[in-house]
PDB file of N, CA and C in Angstrom:
ATOM      1  N   MET A   1     -11.484  23.982 -10.633  1.00  0.00           N
ATOM      2  CA  MET A   1     -10.788  22.807 -10.601  1.00  0.00           C
ATOM      3  C   MET A   1     -12.236  21.566 -10.246  1.00  0.00           C
ATOM      4  N   PHE A   2     -12.282  20.167 -10.404  1.00  0.00           N
ATOM      5  CA  PHE A   2     -13.111  19.549  -9.836  1.00  0.00           C
ATOM      6  C   PHE A   2     -12.888  18.551  -8.415  1.00  0.00           C
ATOM      7  N   LYS A   3     -12.909  19.190  -7.546  1.00  0.00           N
ATOM      8  CA  LYS A   3     -12.946  18.099  -6.567  1.00  0.00           C
ATOM      9  C   LYS A   3     -13.978  17.189  -5.829  1.00  0.00           C
ATOM     10  N   LYS A   4     -13.291  15.777  -5.491  1.00  0.00           N
ATOM     11  CA  LYS A   4     -14.172  14.734  -5.630  1.00  0.00           C
ATOM     12  C   LYS A   4     -15.066  15.000  -3.761  1.00  0.00           C
ATOM     13  N   PRO A   5     -16.624  14.535  -3.707  1.00  0.00           N
ATOM     14  CA  PRO A   5     -17.066  14.874  -2.690  1.00  0.00           C
ATOM     15  C   PRO A   5     -15.965  13.804  -1.935  1.00  0.00           C
ATOM     16  N   ASN A   6     -16.305  13.900  -0.243  1.00  0.00           N
ATOM     17  CA  ASN A   6     -15.954  13.279   0.742  1.00  0.00           C
ATOM     18  C   ASN A   6     -16.858  12.395   1.026  1.00  0.00           C
ATOM     19  N   LEU A   7     -17.211  11.428   0.507  1.00  0.00           N
ATOM     20  CA  LEU A   7     -17.963  10.646   0.814  1.00  0.00           C
ATOM     21  C   LEU A   7     -17.689   9.700   2.489  1.00  0.00           C
ATOM     22  N   MET A   8     -16.298   9.279   2.056  1.00  0.00           N
ATOM     23  CA  MET A   8     -16.326   8.304   2.789  1.00  0.00           C
ATOM     24  C   MET A   8     -14.414   8.120   2.869  1.00  0.00           C
ATOM     25  N   SER A   9     -13.658   8.412   3.918  1.00  0.00           N
ATOM     26  CA  SER A   9     -12.723   8.472   4.134  1.00  0.00           C
ATOM     27  C   SER A   9     -11.660   6.822   4.182  1.00  0.00           C
ATOM     28  N   TYR A  10     -10.797   6.342   3.371  1.00  0.00           N
ATOM     29  CA  TYR A  10      -9.843   5.001   3.626  1.00  0.00           C
ATOM     30  C   TYR A  10      -9.617   5.087   5.099  1.00  0.00           C
ATOM     31  N   ARG A  11      -9.441   5.669   5.533  1.00  0.00           N
ATOM     32  CA  ARG A  11      -9.067   5.655   6.886  1.00  0.00           C
ATOM     33  C   ARG A  11     -10.657   4.863   8.123  1.00  0.00           C
ATOM     34  N   ASP A  12     -10.852   4.865   7.471  1.00  0.00           N
ATOM     35  CA  ASP A  12     -12.126   4.207   7.951  1.00  0.00           C
ATOM     36  C   ASP A  12     -12.461   2.935   7.858  1.00  0.00           C
ATOM     37  N   ARG A  13     -11.426   2.362   6.811  1.00  0.00           N
ATOM     38  CA  ARG A  13     -11.717   1.313   6.233  1.00  0.00           C
ATOM     39  C   ARG A  13     -10.156   0.547   6.489  1.00  0.00           C
ATOM     40  N   ILE A  14      -9.246   1.562   6.055  1.00  0.00           N
ATOM     41  CA  ILE A  14      -8.073   0.698   5.943  1.00  0.00           C
ATOM     42  C   ILE A  14      -6.911   0.620   6.942  1.00  0.00           C
ATOM     43  N   THR A  15      -6.740  -0.790   7.724  1.00  0.00           N
ATOM     44  CA  THR A  15      -5.892  -0.393   9.449  1.00  0.00           C
ATOM     45  C   THR A  15      -4.921  -1.215   8.954  1.00  0.00           C
ATOM     46  N   MET A  16      -3.825  -0.607   9.844  1.00  0.00           N
ATOM     47  CA  MET A  16      -2.374  -1.536   9.870  1.00  0.00           C
ATOM     48  C   MET A  16      -2.298  -2.031  11.327  1.00  0.00           C
ATOM     49  N   ASP A  17      -2.111  -3.469  11.589  1.00  0.00           N
ATOM     50  CA  ASP A  17      -2.304  -3.799  12.991  1.00  0.00           C
ATOM     51  C   ASP A  17      -0.386  -4.694  12.335  1.00  0.00           C
ATOM     52  N   PRO A  18       0.626  -4.355  13.273  1.00  0.00           N
ATOM     53  CA  PRO A  18       1.952  -5.012  13.524  1.00  0.00           C
ATOM     54  C   PRO A  18       1.849  -6.262  13.480  1.00  0.00           C
ATOM     55  N   GLY A  19       0.659  -7.087  14.332  1.00  0.00           N
ATOM     56  CA  GLY A  19       0.466  -8.301  14.660  1.00  0.00           C
ATOM     57  C   GLY A  19      -0.053  -8.932  13.290  1.00  0.00           C
ATOM     58  N   LYS A  20      -0.629  -8.209  12.010  1.00  0.00           N
ATOM     59  CA  LYS A  20      -1.347  -9.043  11.136  1.00  0.00           C
ATOM     60  C   LYS A  20      -1.079  -8.751   9.886  1.00  0.00           C
ATOM     61  N   ARG A  21       0.059  -9.385   8.905  1.00  0.00           N
ATOM     62  CA  ARG A  21       0.482  -9.803   7.783  1.00  0.00           C
ATOM     63  C   ARG A  21       1.261  -8.571   7.681  1.00  0.00           C
ATOM     64  N   GLY A  22       2.461  -8.365   9.045  1.00  0.00           N
ATOM     65  CA  GLY A  22       4.029  -7.650   9.234  1.00  0.00           C
ATOM     66  C   GLY A  22       2.948  -6.525   9.304  1.00  0.00           C
ATOM     67  N   GLY A  23       2.351  -5.948   9.302  1.00  0.00           N
ATOM     68  CA  GLY A  23       1.686  -4.537   9.208  1.00  0.00           C
ATOM     69  C   GLY A  23       1.191  -3.410   8.497  1.00  0.00           C
ATOM     70  N   LYS A  24       1.236  -4.660   7.091  1.00  0.00           N
ATOM     71  CA  LYS A  24       0.487  -3.847   5.992  1.00  0.00           C
ATOM     72  C   LYS A  24      -0.444  -4.026   6.251  1.00  0.00           C
ATOM     73  N   PRO A  25      -0.913  -2.650   5.441  1.00  0.00           N
ATOM     74  CA  PRO A  25      -2.228  -1.776   5.160  1.00  0.00           C
ATOM     75  C   PRO A  25      -3.423  -2.899   5.076  1.00  0.00           C
ATOM     76  N   CYS A  26      -4.289  -3.439   5.630  1.00  0.00           N
ATOM     77  CA  CYS A  26      -5.361  -4.333   5.142  1.00  0.00           C
ATOM     78  C   CYS A  26      -7.020  -3.484   5.494  1.00  0.00           C
ATOM     79  N   ILE A  27      -7.927  -4.192   5.103  1.00  0.00           N
ATOM     80  CA  ILE A  27      -8.537  -3.476   4.492  1.00  0.00           C
ATOM     81  C   ILE A  27      -9.517  -4.486   5.824  1.00  0.00           C
ATOM     82  N   ARG A  28     -10.109  -3.209   6.938  1.00  0.00           N
ATOM     83  CA  ARG A  28     -10.851  -3.332   8.150  1.00  0.00           C
ATOM     84  C   ARG A  28     -10.246  -4.723   8.745  1.00  0.00           C
ATOM     85  N   GLY A  29      -8.640  -4.733   8.786  1.00  0.00           N
ATOM     86  CA  GLY A  29      -8.650  -5.502   9.895  1.00  0.00           C
ATOM     87  C   GLY A  29      -8.384  -7.192   9.585  1.00  0.00           C
ATOM     88  N   MET A  30      -9.043  -7.367   8.417  1.00  0.00           N
ATOM     89  CA  MET A  30      -8.902  -8.599   7.723  1.00  0.00           C
ATOM     90  C   MET A  30      -7.685  -8.663   7.152  1.00  0.00           C
ATOM     91  N   ARG A  31      -7.377 -10.056   6.862  1.00  0.00           N
ATOM     92  CA  ARG A  31      -6.115 -10.246   6.180  1.00  0.00           C
ATOM     93  C   ARG A  31      -5.771 -10.345   5.027  1.00  0.00           C
ATOM     94  N   ILE A  32      -6.483  -9.366   4.135  1.00  0.00           N
ATOM     95  CA  ILE A  32      -6.455  -8.836   2.978  1.00  0.00           C
ATOM     96  C   ILE A  32      -5.796  -7.774   2.564  1.00  0.00           C
ATOM     97  N   THR A  33      -5.004  -7.361   1.972  1.00  0.00           N
ATOM     98  CA  THR A  33      -4.195  -6.068   2.237  1.00  0.00           C
ATOM     99  C   THR A  33      -4.906  -4.973   1.065  1.00  0.00           C
ATOM    100  N   VAL A  34      -4.432  -3.832   1.211  1.00  0.00           N
ATOM    101  CA  VAL A  34      -4.676  -2.908   0.008  1.00  0.00           C
ATOM    102  C   VAL A  34      -3.898  -3.830  -1.353  1.00  0.00           C
ATOM    103  N   TYR A  35      -2.204  -3.867  -1.174  1.00  0.00           N
ATOM    104  CA  TYR A  35      -1.722  -4.657  -2.336  1.00  0.00           C
ATOM    105  C   TYR A  35      -2.791  -5.543  -2.964  1.00  0.00           C
ATOM    106  N   ASP A  36      -3.094  -6.743  -2.070  1.00  0.00           N
ATOM    107  CA  ASP A  36      -3.887  -7.487  -2.659  1.00  0.00           C
ATOM    108  C   ASP A  36      -4.587  -7.383  -3.531  1.00  0.00           C
ATOM    109  N   VAL A  37      -5.617  -6.095  -3.004  1.00  0.00           N
ATOM    110  CA  VAL A  37      -7.146  -5.592  -3.895  1.00  0.00           C
ATOM    111  C   VAL A  37      -6.426  -4.934  -5.510  1.00  0.00           C
ATOM    112  N   LEU A  38      -5.158  -4.183  -5.637  1.00  0.00           N
ATOM    113  CA  LEU A  38      -4.392  -2.858  -6.206  1.00  0.00           C
ATOM    114  C   LEU A  38      -4.042  -4.213  -7.324  1.00  0.00           C
ATOM    115  N   SER A  39      -3.556  -5.445  -6.878  1.00  0.00           N
ATOM    116  CA  SER A  39      -2.817  -5.864  -7.497  1.00  0.00           C
ATOM    117  C   SER A  39      -3.436  -7.293  -8.941  1.00  0.00           C
ATOM    118  N   TYR A  40      -5.006  -7.535  -7.752  1.00  0.00           N
ATOM    119  CA  TYR A  40      -6.029  -8.429  -8.605  1.00  0.00           C
ATOM    120  C   TYR A  40      -6.650  -7.011  -9.644  1.00  0.00           C
ATOM    121  N   LEU A  41      -6.689  -5.827  -9.739  1.00  0.00           N
ATOM    122  CA  LEU A  41      -6.971  -4.975 -10.220  1.00  0.00           C
ATOM    123  C   LEU A  41      -6.191  -4.462 -11.475  1.00  0.00           C
ATOM    124  N   ALA A  42      -4.989  -4.569 -11.161  1.00  0.00           N
ATOM    125  CA  ALA A  42      -4.024  -4.218 -12.120  1.00  0.00           C
ATOM    126  C   ALA A  42      -3.880  -5.231 -12.860  1.00  0.00           C
ATOM    127  N   SER A  43      -4.386  -6.622 -12.587  1.00  0.00           N
ATOM    128  CA  SER A  43      -4.046  -7.936 -13.291  1.00  0.00           C
ATOM    129  C   SER A  43      -5.281  -8.081 -14.742  1.00  0.00           C
ATOM    130  N   GLY A  44      -6.044  -7.188 -13.801  1.00  0.00           N
ATOM    131  CA  GLY A  44      -7.385  -6.888 -14.644  1.00  0.00           C
ATOM    132  C   GLY A  44      -8.716  -7.489 -14.733  1.00  0.00           C
ATOM    133  N   MET A  45      -8.408  -8.003 -12.977  1.00  0.00           N
ATOM    134  CA  MET A  45     -10.271  -8.135 -12.482  1.00  0.00           C
ATOM    135  C   MET A  45     -10.476  -7.103 -12.448  1.00  0.00           C
ATOM    136  N   SER A  46     -12.213  -7.735 -12.619  1.00  0.00           N
ATOM    137  CA  SER A  46     -12.983  -6.129 -12.488  1.00  0.00           C
ATOM    138  C   SER A  46     -13.529  -6.132 -11.336  1.00  0.00           C
ATOM    139  N   VAL A  47     -14.080  -4.868 -10.749  1.00  0.00           N
ATOM    140  CA  VAL A  47     -14.748  -4.335  -9.259  1.00  0.00           C
ATOM    141  C   VAL A  47     -15.525  -5.832  -8.923  1.00  0.00           C
ATOM    142  N   GLU A  48     -16.401  -6.201  -9.742  1.00  0.00           N
ATOM    143  CA  GLU A  48     -17.625  -7.272  -9.857  1.00  0.00           C
ATOM    144  C   GLU A  48     -17.005  -8.551 -10.024  1.00  0.00           C
ATOM    145  N   ASP A  49     -15.502  -8.809 -10.208  1.00  0.00           N
ATOM    146  CA  ASP A  49     -15.002  -9.988 -10.297  1.00  0.00           C
ATOM    147  C   ASP A  49     -14.138 -10.259  -8.833  1.00  0.00           C
ATOM    148  N   ILE A  50     -13.680  -8.936  -8.369  1.00  0.00           N
ATOM    149  CA  ILE A  50     -13.171  -9.363  -7.091  1.00  0.00           C
ATOM    150  C   ILE A  50     -14.494  -9.707  -5.827  1.00  0.00           C
ATOM    151  N   LEU A  51     -15.476  -8.846  -5.864  1.00  0.00           N
ATOM    152  CA  LEU A  51     -16.483  -8.881  -5.365  1.00  0.00           C
ATOM    153  C   LEU A  51     -17.287 -10.371  -5.210  1.00  0.00           C
ATOM    154  N   ALA A  52     -16.688 -11.151  -6.251  1.00  0.00           N
ATOM    155  CA  ALA A  52     -17.353 -12.549  -6.542  1.00  0.00           C
ATOM    156  C   ALA A  52     -16.855 -13.092  -6.126  1.00  0.00           C
ATOM    157  N   ASP A  53     -15.225 -13.307  -6.241  1.00  0.00           N
ATOM    158  CA  ASP A  53     -14.127 -13.763  -5.517  1.00  0.00           C
ATOM    159  C   ASP A  53     -14.025 -13.597  -3.949  1.00  0.00           C
ATOM    160  N   PHE A  54     -14.447 -13.064  -3.545  1.00  0.00           N
ATOM    161  CA  PHE A  54     -13.902 -12.140  -1.866  1.00  0.00           C
ATOM    162  C   PHE A  54     -15.472 -11.839  -1.841  1.00  0.00           C
ATOM    163  N   PRO A  55     -16.685 -12.324  -1.227  1.00  0.00           N
ATOM    164  CA  PRO A  55     -18.100 -11.911  -1.232  1.00  0.00           C
ATOM    165  C   PRO A  55     -17.544 -11.160   0.354  1.00  0.00           C
ATOM    166  N   TYR A  56     -16.464 -10.984   1.132  1.00  0.00           N
ATOM    167  CA  TYR A  56     -16.787 -10.712   2.583  1.00  0.00           C
ATOM    168  C   TYR A  56     -16.280  -8.743   2.175  1.00  0.00           C
ATOM    169  N   LEU A  57     -16.203  -8.606   0.907  1.00  0.00           N
ATOM    170  CA  LEU A  57     -15.126  -7.429   0.546  1.00  0.00           C
ATOM    171  C   LEU A  57     -16.490  -6.434  -0.321  1.00  0.00           C
ATOM    172  N   THR A  58     -16.379  -5.104  -0.018  1.00  0.00           N
ATOM    173  CA  THR A  58     -17.519  -4.694  -0.713  1.00  0.00           C
ATOM    174  C   THR A  58     -16.486  -3.820  -1.713  1.00  0.00           C
ATOM    175  N   ARG A  59     -17.619  -3.024  -2.239  1.00  0.00           N
ATOM    176  CA  ARG A  59     -17.072  -2.135  -3.339  1.00  0.00           C
ATOM    177  C   ARG A  59     -16.992  -1.247  -2.630  1.00  0.00           C
ATOM    178  N   GLU A  60     -17.059  -0.333  -1.250  1.00  0.00           N
ATOM    179  CA  GLU A  60     -16.414   0.490  -0.888  1.00  0.00           C
ATOM    180  C   GLU A  60     -14.840   0.555  -0.014  1.00  0.00           C
ATOM    181  N   ASP A  61     -14.784  -1.025  -0.240  1.00  0.00           N
ATOM    182  CA  ASP A  61     -13.359  -1.325   0.849  1.00  0.00           C
ATOM    183  C   ASP A  61     -11.976  -1.518  -0.749  1.00  0.00           C
ATOM    184  N   ILE A  62     -12.754  -1.895  -1.869  1.00  0.00           N
ATOM    185  CA  ILE A  62     -11.945  -1.493  -3.166  1.00  0.00           C
ATOM    186  C   ILE A  62     -11.727  -0.026  -3.191  1.00  0.00           C
ATOM    187  N   LEU A  63     -12.813   0.853  -3.383  1.00  0.00           N
ATOM    188  CA  LEU A  63     -12.579   2.312  -3.149  1.00  0.00           C
ATOM    189  C   LEU A  63     -11.477   3.087  -2.087  1.00  0.00           C
ATOM    190  N   ALA A  64     -11.779   2.471  -0.979  1.00  0.00           N
ATOM    191  CA  ALA A  64     -10.936   2.751  -0.525  1.00  0.00           C
ATOM    192  C   ALA A  64      -9.099   2.706  -0.115  1.00  0.00           C
ATOM    193  N   SER A  65      -9.041   1.188  -0.912  1.00  0.00           N
ATOM    194  CA  SER A  65      -8.002   1.131  -1.334  1.00  0.00           C
ATOM    195  C   SER A  65      -7.516   1.795  -2.344  1.00  0.00           C
ATOM    196  N   LEU A  66      -8.317   1.722  -3.276  1.00  0.00           N
ATOM    197  CA  LEU A  66      -7.620   3.145  -4.478  1.00  0.00           C
ATOM    198  C   LEU A  66      -7.084   4.822  -3.589  1.00  0.00           C
ATOM    199  N   GLU A  67      -7.707   4.697  -2.779  1.00  0.00           N
ATOM    200  CA  GLU A  67      -8.281   5.974  -2.021  1.00  0.00           C
ATOM    201  C   GLU A  67      -6.316   6.028  -1.442  1.00  0.00           C
ATOM    202  N   PHE A  68      -6.407   5.317  -0.790  1.00  0.00           N
ATOM    203  CA  PHE A  68      -5.393   4.970   0.604  1.00  0.00           C
ATOM    204  C   PHE A  68      -4.412   4.799  -0.405  1.00  0.00           C
ATOM    205  N   ALA A  69      -3.799   4.128  -2.048  1.00  0.00           N
ATOM    206  CA  ALA A  69      -2.903   4.176  -2.900  1.00  0.00           C
ATOM    207  C   ALA A  69      -2.448   5.351  -3.516  1.00  0.00           C
ATOM    208  N   ALA A  70      -3.729   6.489  -3.848  1.00  0.00           N
ATOM    209  CA  ALA A  70      -3.739   7.740  -4.501  1.00  0.00           C
ATOM    210  C   ALA A  70      -3.126   8.672  -3.347  1.00  0.00           C
ATOM    211  N   GLU A  71      -3.569   8.408  -1.916  1.00  0.00           N
ATOM    212  CA  GLU A  71      -3.158   9.705  -1.054  1.00  0.00           C
ATOM    213  C   GLU A  71      -1.769   9.303  -0.847  1.00  0.00           C
ATOM    214  N   ARG A  72      -1.072   8.089  -0.564  1.00  0.00           N
ATOM    215  CA  ARG A  72       0.008   7.665  -0.236  1.00  0.00           C
ATOM    216  C   ARG A  72       0.985   8.039  -1.668  1.00  0.00           C
ATOM    217  N   GLU A  73       0.820   7.704  -2.648  1.00  0.00           N
ATOM    218  CA  GLU A  73       1.450   8.485  -3.822  1.00  0.00           C
ATOM    219  C   GLU A  73       1.899  10.058  -4.148  1.00  0.00           C
ATOM    220  N   ARG A  74       0.193  10.426  -3.678  1.00  0.00           N
ATOM    221  CA  ARG A  74       0.300  11.915  -3.047  1.00  0.00           C
ATOM    222  C   ARG A  74       1.725  12.835  -2.606  1.00  0.00           C
ATOM    223  N   ARG A  75       1.649  12.102  -1.390  1.00  0.00           N
ATOM    224  CA  ARG A  75       2.582  12.302  -0.216  1.00  0.00           C
ATOM    225  C   ARG A  75       3.328  11.668  -0.833  1.00  0.00           C
ATOM    226  N   THR A  76       4.245  11.060  -1.399  1.00  0.00           N
ATOM    227  CA  THR A  76       5.571  10.614  -1.777  1.00  0.00           C
ATOM    228  C   THR A  76       6.245  11.294  -3.344  1.00  0.00           C
ATOM    229  N   ALA A  77       4.727  11.961  -4.086  1.00  0.00           N
ATOM    230  CA  ALA A  77       5.381  12.724  -4.728  1.00  0.00           C
ATOM    231  C   ALA A  77       5.700  14.199  -5.035  1.00  0.00           C
ATOM    232  N   SER A  78       4.700  14.541  -3.040  1.00  0.00           N
ATOM    233  CA  SER A  78       4.970  15.929  -3.037  1.00  0.00           C
ATOM    234  C   SER A  78       6.409  15.994  -1.692  1.00  0.00           C
ATOM    235  N   ALA A  79       6.720  14.837  -1.134  1.00  0.00           N
ATOM    236  CA  ALA A  79       8.172  15.015  -0.429  1.00  0.00           C
ATOM    237  C   ALA A  79       9.449  15.258  -0.924  1.00  0.00           C
TER     238      ALA A  79
END
């Protein structure tokens, strides 16, 4: 079975603060949420498009958003 290398954890980048965006998961304490990033990807934006439109984001931020969503789905599916 293929196991991905764990070079980075979304826990290093995804923050939840009750006073920011209603406690939604955000990227590095900024006001952009995981949902925002996932919505951009789902609408057809490439990683490069997102990085060009939001220069304060990094490729690692986008990957952390995907990892966060995958982990949340895994927990929901196993519940």
